[in-house]
Amino acid sequence: MYNKFIPLAILCSLLLGGCQGSGAVKPEAVTSEAAKPALSEEARQALAKAEADIKEARTKKALWTTAENSLKKAKEAATKADSAAVLKHAKAASEQARLGLAQLSYPPAK
């Protein structure tokens, strides 16, 4: 009886040991994803508006490098879910794009 029990115990331990690394989601992974901060709706809208404003300025060849740099900073802040920084940089990008477009209507310099 003892000889039959050992192989059975080894088989059970192998089967149960295999379940531990079976790709099941760990509780830490679930809580870290759920706890991850997200951008505010206002920040998402500001970023989308800045991207559209930059695209329009680029199309009309009125894009300032300061607008492009501000958009880049806003996107970097978005990857970190920093809503305040996204708002700040996205609004600056939109403003700089608007000013670049407005500059098109200025008379040429002599």
Protein backbone atom coordinates (compact mmCIF):
# COMPACT_ATOMS: atom_id res chain seq x y z
CA MET A 1 0.00 0.00 0.00
CA TYR A 2 2.83 2.39 0.85
CA ASN A 3 4.45 1.84 -2.56
CA LYS A 4 1.23 2.80 -4.39
CA PHE A 5 0.71 5.91 -2.25
CA ILE A 6 4.06 7.59 -3.08
CA PRO A 7 3.59 7.74 -6.88
CA LEU A 8 0.04 8.98 -6.34
CA ALA A 9 1.28 11.70 -3.97
CA ILE A 10 3.98 12.74 -6.45
CA LEU A 11 1.45 12.88 -9.27
CA CYS A 12 -0.92 15.00 -7.20
CA SER A 13 1.82 17.41 -6.16
CA LEU A 14 2.94 17.82 -9.78
CA LEU A 15 -0.59 18.50 -10.93
CA LEU A 16 -1.29 20.95 -8.13
CA GLY A 17 2.10 22.61 -8.56
CA GLY A 18 1.37 23.14 -12.24
CA CYS A 19 -1.75 25.10 -11.38
CA GLN A 20 0.24 27.76 -9.58
CA GLY A 21 1.98 29.03 -12.71
CA SER A 22 -1.02 28.65 -14.97
CA GLY A 23 -1.33 32.30 -15.94
CA ALA A 24 -4.09 33.05 -13.50
CA VAL A 25 -4.44 36.74 -12.75
CA LYS A 26 -2.80 37.68 -9.50
CA PRO A 27 -4.74 39.92 -7.10
CA GLU A 28 -1.92 42.50 -7.12
CA ALA A 29 -2.19 42.89 -10.90
CA VAL A 30 -5.93 43.52 -10.70
CA THR A 31 -5.65 46.11 -7.96
CA SER A 32 -2.75 47.94 -9.61
CA GLU A 33 -4.68 48.27 -12.88
CA ALA A 34 -7.81 49.45 -11.08
CA ALA A 35 -5.85 51.92 -8.96
CA LYS A 36 -4.14 53.44 -11.99
CA PRO A 37 -5.25 57.07 -12.24
CA ALA A 38 -6.96 58.15 -15.43
CA LEU A 39 -7.10 61.48 -17.21
CA SER A 40 -10.03 63.73 -16.45
CA GLU A 41 -12.60 64.26 -19.17
CA GLU A 42 -11.59 67.92 -19.39
CA ALA A 43 -7.95 66.94 -19.95
CA ARG A 44 -8.91 64.44 -22.67
CA GLN A 45 -10.99 67.07 -24.46
CA ALA A 46 -8.22 69.67 -24.20
CA LEU A 47 -5.71 67.21 -25.63
CA ALA A 48 -8.03 66.31 -28.52
CA LYS A 49 -8.62 70.01 -29.26
CA ALA A 50 -4.90 70.74 -29.17
CA GLU A 51 -4.21 67.90 -31.60
CA ALA A 52 -6.88 69.22 -33.97
CA ASP A 53 -5.56 72.80 -33.71
CA ILE A 54 -1.99 71.66 -34.38
CA LYS A 55 -3.16 69.63 -37.38
CA GLU A 56 -4.97 72.66 -38.81
CA ALA A 57 -1.97 74.94 -38.28
CA ARG A 58 0.34 72.36 -39.88
CA THR A 59 -1.99 72.02 -42.88
CA LYS A 60 -1.96 75.81 -43.43
CA LYS A 61 1.82 75.97 -42.86
CA ALA A 62 1.37 78.19 -39.81
CA LEU A 63 2.63 75.81 -37.13
CA TRP A 64 4.94 77.31 -34.55
CA THR A 65 7.54 75.08 -32.93
CA THR A 66 6.35 76.27 -29.51
CA ALA A 67 2.90 74.83 -30.27
CA GLU A 68 4.40 71.53 -31.36
CA ASN A 69 6.58 71.36 -28.23
CA SER A 70 3.60 72.09 -25.97
CA LEU A 71 1.61 69.31 -27.61
CA LYS A 72 4.51 66.92 -27.09
CA LYS A 73 4.61 67.84 -23.38
CA ALA A 74 0.84 67.37 -23.12
CA LYS A 75 1.09 63.89 -24.63
CA GLU A 76 3.91 62.98 -22.24
CA ALA A 77 1.81 64.15 -19.31
CA ALA A 78 -1.11 62.10 -20.63
CA THR A 79 0.97 58.93 -20.49
CA LYS A 80 1.57 59.69 -16.80
CA ALA A 81 -2.14 60.48 -16.26
CA ASP A 82 -1.26 63.99 -15.03
CA SER A 83 -4.48 65.84 -15.87
CA ALA A 84 -3.26 69.22 -14.60
CA ALA A 85 -0.14 69.14 -16.78
CA VAL A 86 -2.14 67.90 -19.79
CA LEU A 87 -4.54 70.84 -19.41
CA LYS A 88 -1.70 73.34 -19.04
CA HIS A 89 0.30 72.14 -22.05
CA ALA A 90 -2.69 71.37 -24.28
CA LYS A 91 -4.14 74.84 -23.74
CA ALA A 92 -0.74 76.38 -24.50
CA ALA A 93 -0.49 74.29 -27.68
CA SER A 94 -3.95 75.38 -28.82
CA GLU A 95 -3.17 79.02 -28.09
CA GLN A 96 0.12 78.89 -29.97
CA ALA A 97 -1.57 77.18 -32.94
CA ARG A 98 -4.31 79.84 -32.94
CA LEU A 99 -1.70 82.60 -32.91
CA GLY A 100 0.19 80.96 -35.77
CA LEU A 101 -3.00 80.85 -37.82
CA ALA A 102 -3.79 84.47 -36.95
CA GLN A 103 -0.34 85.48 -38.12
CA LEU A 104 -1.29 84.43 -41.64
CA SER A 105 -3.58 87.45 -41.90
CA TYR A 106 -0.85 89.93 -40.94
CA PRO A 107 0.57 92.05 -43.75
CA PRO A 108 3.99 90.96 -45.01
CA ALA A 109 7.01 92.70 -43.52
CA LYS A 110 8.89 95.15 -45.73
